[in-house]
Amino acid sequence: MPEDRRGHPRYVIWFPVHLDAGSLGEQVTLSRNLIQKGVLLASNEGFSTGAAVTVTFEGPFDEESRTLEGTIVRRSEGEDDRLPFRIAVEFDEPIPELEAALQAALQEEPPEEEPSENELPEEEPGKDSG
């Protein structure tokens, strides 16, 4: 996993994040990557750099959700037309337990694969499949 310029491990992990920028508005964004000190979000709104924000997300923690205060420290335009803005939020307080929670989440067993055609149960006699 890449190291952030500040020396914190960066985790490329995608999950929904609710971003509340007070009078500037609020929306559901998508995380692009996460470090102890902040998160990079994909958004359809280009909120102002320097804006105080509240971010709320579910996962990758064991808790149902986590709400953090922060500041938008960088904003740029991306290549995705659906979510054209990238917004970097620096948390007011780092999340020291983040690394362990993310490592645990990333090591969870993948979902079971769909059975192959050879493993599908046979149809009952007399039933039409179409």
N, C-alpha and C. Protein backbone atom coordinates (compact mmCIF):
# COMPACT_ATOMS: atom_id res chain seq x y z
N MET A 1 0.84 -1.17 0.00
CA MET A 1 0.00 0.00 0.00
C MET A 1 0.88 1.23 0.00
N PRO A 2 0.49 2.28 -0.74
CA PRO A 2 1.32 3.48 -0.86
C PRO A 2 1.43 4.23 0.46
N GLU A 3 2.56 4.88 0.65
CA GLU A 3 2.77 5.72 1.83
C GLU A 3 2.38 7.15 1.49
N ASP A 4 1.65 7.79 2.37
CA ASP A 4 1.30 9.19 2.21
C ASP A 4 2.54 10.03 2.44
N ARG A 5 2.56 11.23 1.90
CA ARG A 5 3.70 12.13 2.09
C ARG A 5 3.99 12.37 3.57
N ARG A 6 2.99 12.27 4.39
CA ARG A 6 3.16 12.53 5.82
C ARG A 6 3.59 11.28 6.58
N GLY A 7 3.79 10.19 5.89
CA GLY A 7 4.28 8.98 6.53
C GLY A 7 3.22 8.02 7.02
N HIS A 8 1.94 8.30 6.77
CA HIS A 8 0.87 7.39 7.18
C HIS A 8 0.52 6.46 6.02
N PRO A 9 0.25 5.20 6.31
CA PRO A 9 -0.19 4.30 5.23
C PRO A 9 -1.50 4.80 4.63
N ARG A 10 -1.60 4.71 3.33
CA ARG A 10 -2.80 5.12 2.61
C ARG A 10 -3.52 3.87 2.13
N TYR A 11 -4.82 3.80 2.36
CA TYR A 11 -5.62 2.64 1.97
C TYR A 11 -6.57 3.04 0.86
N VAL A 12 -6.45 2.37 -0.27
CA VAL A 12 -7.37 2.60 -1.37
C VAL A 12 -8.60 1.74 -1.07
N ILE A 13 -9.66 2.40 -0.66
CA ILE A 13 -10.88 1.70 -0.26
C ILE A 13 -12.06 2.60 -0.59
N TRP A 14 -13.06 2.02 -1.19
CA TRP A 14 -14.22 2.78 -1.66
C TRP A 14 -15.42 2.46 -0.79
N PHE A 15 -16.04 3.48 -0.24
CA PHE A 15 -17.29 3.32 0.49
C PHE A 15 -17.99 4.68 0.55
N PRO A 16 -19.31 4.71 0.76
CA PRO A 16 -20.04 5.97 0.79
C PRO A 16 -19.67 6.80 2.03
N VAL A 17 -19.58 8.10 1.82
CA VAL A 17 -19.26 9.04 2.90
C VAL A 17 -20.23 10.21 2.80
N HIS A 18 -20.90 10.52 3.90
CA HIS A 18 -21.78 11.69 3.93
C HIS A 18 -20.93 12.89 4.29
N LEU A 19 -20.95 13.92 3.44
CA LEU A 19 -20.17 15.13 3.66
C LEU A 19 -21.13 16.27 3.92
N ASP A 20 -20.98 16.92 5.07
CA ASP A 20 -21.81 18.07 5.44
C ASP A 20 -20.90 19.28 5.55
N ALA A 21 -21.10 20.24 4.64
CA ALA A 21 -20.28 21.46 4.62
C ALA A 21 -21.08 22.66 5.12
N GLY A 22 -22.02 22.41 6.03
CA GLY A 22 -22.81 23.49 6.62
C GLY A 22 -23.60 24.25 5.57
N SER A 23 -23.43 25.56 5.53
CA SER A 23 -24.21 26.40 4.60
C SER A 23 -23.87 26.13 3.13
N LEU A 24 -22.73 25.47 2.87
CA LEU A 24 -22.36 25.14 1.49
C LEU A 24 -23.13 23.93 0.97
N GLY A 25 -23.77 23.19 1.87
CA GLY A 25 -24.57 22.05 1.46
C GLY A 25 -24.01 20.73 1.97
N GLU A 26 -24.71 19.67 1.61
CA GLU A 26 -24.27 18.33 2.01
C GLU A 26 -24.61 17.36 0.90
N GLN A 27 -23.90 16.24 0.90
CA GLN A 27 -24.14 15.22 -0.11
C GLN A 27 -23.45 13.92 0.28
N VAL A 28 -23.83 12.87 -0.42
CA VAL A 28 -23.14 11.59 -0.26
C VAL A 28 -22.05 11.55 -1.32
N THR A 29 -20.83 11.28 -0.86
CA THR A 29 -19.68 11.20 -1.74
C THR A 29 -19.15 9.77 -1.69
N LEU A 30 -18.03 9.53 -2.34
CA LEU A 30 -17.43 8.21 -2.36
C LEU A 30 -15.97 8.33 -1.99
N SER A 31 -15.53 7.55 -1.00
CA SER A 31 -14.12 7.61 -0.62
C SER A 31 -13.27 7.04 -1.75
N ARG A 32 -12.09 7.61 -1.94
CA ARG A 32 -11.12 7.10 -2.91
C ARG A 32 -9.96 6.45 -2.17
N ASN A 33 -9.51 7.13 -1.11
CA ASN A 33 -8.51 6.54 -0.24
C ASN A 33 -8.58 7.21 1.12
N LEU A 34 -7.99 6.56 2.10
CA LEU A 34 -8.14 6.95 3.49
C LEU A 34 -6.81 6.78 4.21
N ILE A 35 -6.45 7.76 5.02
CA ILE A 35 -5.29 7.67 5.90
C ILE A 35 -5.74 8.08 7.29
N GLN A 36 -4.87 7.94 8.28
CA GLN A 36 -5.23 8.31 9.65
C GLN A 36 -5.66 9.76 9.78
N LYS A 37 -5.10 10.62 8.94
CA LYS A 37 -5.35 12.05 9.07
C LYS A 37 -6.37 12.60 8.09
N GLY A 38 -6.91 11.77 7.18
CA GLY A 38 -7.86 12.33 6.23
C GLY A 38 -8.37 11.33 5.22
N VAL A 39 -9.19 11.86 4.32
CA VAL A 39 -9.82 11.04 3.30
C VAL A 39 -9.88 11.83 2.00
N LEU A 40 -9.71 11.12 0.88
CA LEU A 40 -9.90 11.71 -0.43
C LEU A 40 -11.25 11.23 -0.94
N LEU A 41 -12.11 12.18 -1.32
CA LEU A 41 -13.47 11.86 -1.73
C LEU A 41 -13.69 12.19 -3.20
N ALA A 42 -14.53 11.41 -3.86
CA ALA A 42 -15.03 11.72 -5.19
C ALA A 42 -16.41 12.32 -4.99
N SER A 43 -16.67 13.45 -5.64
CA SER A 43 -17.89 14.20 -5.38
C SER A 43 -18.44 14.82 -6.66
N ASN A 44 -19.74 15.10 -6.67
CA ASN A 44 -20.28 15.83 -7.82
C ASN A 44 -20.38 17.33 -7.51
N GLU A 45 -19.92 17.75 -6.34
CA GLU A 45 -19.87 19.16 -5.96
C GLU A 45 -18.43 19.51 -5.63
N GLY A 46 -17.99 20.68 -6.04
CA GLY A 46 -16.64 21.13 -5.74
C GLY A 46 -16.64 22.10 -4.57
N PHE A 47 -16.80 21.60 -3.37
CA PHE A 47 -16.82 22.46 -2.19
C PHE A 47 -15.52 23.26 -2.07
N SER A 48 -15.58 24.39 -1.41
CA SER A 48 -14.45 25.31 -1.31
C SER A 48 -13.34 24.80 -0.41
N THR A 49 -12.11 25.02 -0.84
CA THR A 49 -10.95 24.73 -0.01
C THR A 49 -11.03 25.62 1.23
N GLY A 50 -10.72 25.05 2.38
CA GLY A 50 -10.77 25.78 3.64
C GLY A 50 -12.08 25.63 4.38
N ALA A 51 -13.10 25.04 3.74
CA ALA A 51 -14.40 24.88 4.38
C ALA A 51 -14.32 23.83 5.49
N ALA A 52 -14.94 24.15 6.63
CA ALA A 52 -15.06 23.19 7.72
C ALA A 52 -16.18 22.22 7.35
N VAL A 53 -15.92 20.92 7.54
CA VAL A 53 -16.89 19.89 7.15
C VAL A 53 -17.02 18.84 8.25
N THR A 54 -18.12 18.12 8.17
CA THR A 54 -18.33 16.93 8.99
C THR A 54 -18.49 15.77 8.03
N VAL A 55 -17.71 14.71 8.24
CA VAL A 55 -17.84 13.51 7.42
C VAL A 55 -18.37 12.38 8.29
N THR A 56 -19.31 11.64 7.73
CA THR A 56 -19.89 10.49 8.44
C THR A 56 -19.80 9.30 7.49
N PHE A 57 -19.25 8.20 8.00
CA PHE A 57 -19.18 7.02 7.16
C PHE A 57 -19.40 5.76 7.98
N GLU A 58 -19.90 4.75 7.28
CA GLU A 58 -20.04 3.42 7.85
C GLU A 58 -18.89 2.60 7.31
N GLY A 59 -18.30 1.77 8.19
CA GLY A 59 -17.16 0.99 7.74
C GLY A 59 -16.01 1.92 7.47
N PRO A 60 -14.85 1.46 7.52
CA PRO A 60 -14.45 0.08 7.72
C PRO A 60 -14.36 -0.32 9.19
N PHE A 61 -15.01 0.46 10.05
CA PHE A 61 -14.94 0.21 11.48
C PHE A 61 -16.02 -0.76 11.92
N ASP A 62 -15.84 -1.32 13.10
CA ASP A 62 -16.83 -2.24 13.66
C ASP A 62 -18.10 -1.51 14.05
N GLU A 63 -17.96 -0.23 14.34
CA GLU A 63 -19.11 0.56 14.76
C GLU A 63 -20.05 0.76 13.58
N GLU A 64 -21.29 1.16 13.89
CA GLU A 64 -22.24 1.38 12.80
C GLU A 64 -21.81 2.55 11.93
N SER A 65 -21.38 3.64 12.53
CA SER A 65 -20.91 4.77 11.74
C SER A 65 -19.91 5.57 12.57
N ARG A 66 -19.19 6.43 11.88
CA ARG A 66 -18.18 7.26 12.52
C ARG A 66 -18.35 8.66 11.96
N THR A 67 -18.39 9.68 12.83
CA THR A 67 -18.50 11.07 12.41
C THR A 67 -17.25 11.81 12.85
N LEU A 68 -16.64 12.52 11.92
CA LEU A 68 -15.41 13.25 12.18
C LEU A 68 -15.51 14.67 11.64
N GLU A 69 -14.86 15.58 12.32
CA GLU A 69 -14.78 16.97 11.85
C GLU A 69 -13.48 17.13 11.08
N GLY A 70 -13.49 18.01 10.09
CA GLY A 70 -12.28 18.23 9.32
C GLY A 70 -12.38 19.49 8.48
N THR A 71 -11.39 19.66 7.63
CA THR A 71 -11.30 20.82 6.75
C THR A 71 -10.93 20.36 5.35
N ILE A 72 -11.57 20.95 4.34
CA ILE A 72 -11.19 20.66 2.96
C ILE A 72 -9.87 21.36 2.69
N VAL A 73 -8.83 20.57 2.40
CA VAL A 73 -7.50 21.12 2.21
C VAL A 73 -7.08 21.16 0.74
N ARG A 74 -7.82 20.42 -0.11
CA ARG A 74 -7.47 20.40 -1.52
C ARG A 74 -8.70 20.02 -2.32
N ARG A 75 -8.81 20.59 -3.50
CA ARG A 75 -9.93 20.28 -4.40
C ARG A 75 -9.39 20.27 -5.82
N SER A 76 -9.77 19.28 -6.59
CA SER A 76 -9.35 19.22 -7.99
C SER A 76 -10.46 18.57 -8.80
N GLU A 77 -10.33 18.70 -10.12
CA GLU A 77 -11.29 18.05 -11.00
C GLU A 77 -10.69 16.75 -11.49
N GLY A 78 -11.52 15.70 -11.45
CA GLY A 78 -11.08 14.38 -11.88
C GLY A 78 -11.53 14.08 -13.29
N GLU A 79 -11.41 12.82 -13.67
CA GLU A 79 -11.75 12.41 -15.03
C GLU A 79 -13.14 11.80 -15.13
N ASP A 80 -13.78 11.51 -14.02
CA ASP A 80 -15.09 10.86 -14.02
C ASP A 80 -16.19 11.92 -14.12
N ASP A 81 -16.99 11.86 -15.18
CA ASP A 81 -18.06 12.85 -15.35
C ASP A 81 -19.14 12.75 -14.29
N ARG A 82 -19.35 11.55 -13.74
CA ARG A 82 -20.40 11.38 -12.73
C ARG A 82 -20.00 11.97 -11.40
N LEU A 83 -18.74 11.84 -11.03
CA LEU A 83 -18.20 12.41 -9.79
C LEU A 83 -16.93 13.18 -10.16
N PRO A 84 -17.10 14.37 -10.74
CA PRO A 84 -15.96 15.06 -11.36
C PRO A 84 -14.97 15.72 -10.41
N PHE A 85 -15.30 15.83 -9.14
CA PHE A 85 -14.40 16.53 -8.22
C PHE A 85 -13.73 15.58 -7.25
N ARG A 86 -12.50 15.88 -6.89
CA ARG A 86 -11.76 15.17 -5.84
C ARG A 86 -11.59 16.18 -4.70
N ILE A 87 -12.00 15.77 -3.51
CA ILE A 87 -11.95 16.65 -2.34
C ILE A 87 -11.14 15.95 -1.27
N ALA A 88 -10.05 16.59 -0.83
CA ALA A 88 -9.22 16.05 0.24
C ALA A 88 -9.64 16.71 1.55
N VAL A 89 -10.02 15.89 2.52
CA VAL A 89 -10.43 16.38 3.83
C VAL A 89 -9.40 15.93 4.85
N GLU A 90 -8.86 16.88 5.59
CA GLU A 90 -7.95 16.56 6.70
C GLU A 90 -8.77 16.58 7.98
N PHE A 91 -8.73 15.47 8.73
CA PHE A 91 -9.47 15.37 9.98
C PHE A 91 -8.84 16.26 11.04
N ASP A 92 -9.69 16.81 11.93
CA ASP A 92 -9.18 17.62 13.04
C ASP A 92 -8.34 16.78 13.99
N GLU A 93 -8.74 15.52 14.15
CA GLU A 93 -8.02 14.57 15.00
C GLU A 93 -7.72 13.32 14.20
N PRO A 94 -6.48 12.82 14.19
CA PRO A 94 -6.20 11.57 13.48
C PRO A 94 -6.94 10.40 14.11
N ILE A 95 -7.09 9.33 13.35
CA ILE A 95 -7.77 8.13 13.82
C ILE A 95 -6.73 7.04 14.03
N PRO A 96 -6.18 6.91 15.25
CA PRO A 96 -5.10 5.95 15.45
C PRO A 96 -5.50 4.50 15.22
N GLU A 97 -6.75 4.14 15.46
CA GLU A 97 -7.18 2.75 15.29
C GLU A 97 -7.52 2.42 13.84
N LEU A 98 -7.38 3.38 12.95
CA LEU A 98 -7.75 3.19 11.56
C LEU A 98 -6.97 2.06 10.89
N GLU A 99 -5.67 2.05 11.06
CA GLU A 99 -4.84 1.06 10.36
C GLU A 99 -5.26 -0.36 10.70
N ALA A 100 -5.46 -0.65 11.98
CA ALA A 100 -5.86 -2.01 12.38
C ALA A 100 -7.24 -2.35 11.82
N ALA A 101 -8.18 -1.40 11.86
CA ALA A 101 -9.52 -1.65 11.36
C ALA A 101 -9.51 -1.90 9.85
N LEU A 102 -8.73 -1.13 9.12
CA LEU A 102 -8.66 -1.32 7.68
C LEU A 102 -7.97 -2.63 7.32
N GLN A 103 -6.91 -2.96 8.00
CA GLN A 103 -6.24 -4.23 7.73
C GLN A 103 -7.19 -5.39 7.99
N ALA A 104 -7.95 -5.31 9.06
CA ALA A 104 -8.92 -6.37 9.36
C ALA A 104 -10.00 -6.43 8.27
N ALA A 105 -10.50 -5.27 7.85
CA ALA A 105 -11.55 -5.24 6.83
C ALA A 105 -11.04 -5.79 5.50
N LEU A 106 -9.80 -5.47 5.16
CA LEU A 106 -9.25 -5.92 3.89
C LEU A 106 -8.87 -7.39 3.91
N GLN A 107 -8.74 -7.99 5.09
CA GLN A 107 -8.38 -9.40 5.19
C GLN A 107 -9.59 -10.30 5.35
N GLU A 108 -10.80 -9.71 5.39
CA GLU A 108 -12.00 -10.54 5.51
C GLU A 108 -12.08 -11.45 4.29
N GLU A 109 -12.72 -12.58 4.49
CA GLU A 109 -12.86 -13.52 3.38
C GLU A 109 -13.74 -12.91 2.30
N PRO A 110 -13.38 -13.12 1.04
CA PRO A 110 -14.21 -12.59 -0.05
C PRO A 110 -15.54 -13.32 -0.07
N PRO A 111 -16.57 -12.70 -0.66
CA PRO A 111 -17.86 -13.37 -0.73
C PRO A 111 -17.75 -14.65 -1.56
N GLU A 112 -18.63 -15.59 -1.26
CA GLU A 112 -18.61 -16.84 -1.99
C GLU A 112 -18.91 -16.59 -3.45
N GLU A 113 -18.22 -17.34 -4.31
CA GLU A 113 -18.45 -17.20 -5.74
C GLU A 113 -19.75 -17.88 -6.12
N GLU A 114 -20.34 -17.39 -7.20
CA GLU A 114 -21.53 -18.04 -7.74
C GLU A 114 -21.16 -19.44 -8.20
N PRO A 115 -22.04 -20.42 -8.05
CA PRO A 115 -21.69 -21.76 -8.53
C PRO A 115 -21.54 -21.76 -10.04
N SER A 116 -20.61 -22.59 -10.52
CA SER A 116 -20.43 -22.70 -11.96
C SER A 116 -21.61 -23.46 -12.54
N GLU A 117 -21.69 -23.46 -13.86
CA GLU A 117 -22.80 -24.14 -14.52
C GLU A 117 -22.85 -25.61 -14.14
N ASN A 118 -21.69 -26.22 -13.93
CA ASN A 118 -21.63 -27.64 -13.58
C ASN A 118 -22.10 -27.88 -12.15
N GLU A 119 -22.14 -26.84 -11.31
CA GLU A 119 -22.51 -27.01 -9.91
C GLU A 119 -23.95 -26.63 -9.62
N LEU A 120 -24.67 -26.12 -10.65
CA LEU A 120 -26.05 -25.69 -10.43
C LEU A 120 -26.93 -26.91 -10.18
N PRO A 121 -27.92 -26.76 -9.29
CA PRO A 121 -28.81 -27.90 -9.04
C PRO A 121 -29.63 -28.20 -10.29
N GLU A 122 -29.93 -29.46 -10.46
CA GLU A 122 -30.72 -29.87 -11.62
C GLU A 122 -32.15 -29.41 -11.44
N GLU A 123 -32.80 -29.14 -12.58
CA GLU A 123 -34.20 -28.71 -12.53
C GLU A 123 -35.07 -29.90 -12.19
N GLU A 124 -36.18 -29.59 -11.54
CA GLU A 124 -37.12 -30.64 -11.19
C GLU A 124 -37.81 -31.12 -12.46
N PRO A 125 -38.09 -32.44 -12.57
CA PRO A 125 -38.77 -32.94 -13.76
C PRO A 125 -40.15 -32.29 -13.91
N GLY A 126 -40.51 -31.98 -15.15
CA GLY A 126 -41.84 -31.42 -15.40
C GLY A 126 -41.89 -29.92 -15.26
N LYS A 127 -40.81 -29.25 -14.79
CA LYS A 127 -40.83 -27.80 -14.66
C LYS A 127 -40.18 -27.19 -15.89
N ASP A 128 -40.80 -26.14 -16.41
CA ASP A 128 -40.27 -25.44 -17.57
C ASP A 128 -39.33 -24.35 -17.08
N SER A 129 -38.14 -24.26 -17.64
CA SER A 129 -37.18 -23.28 -17.18
C SER A 129 -37.38 -21.92 -17.83
N GLY A 130 -38.27 -21.78 -18.78
CA GLY A 130 -38.33 -20.56 -19.51
C GLY A 130 -39.47 -19.72 -19.31
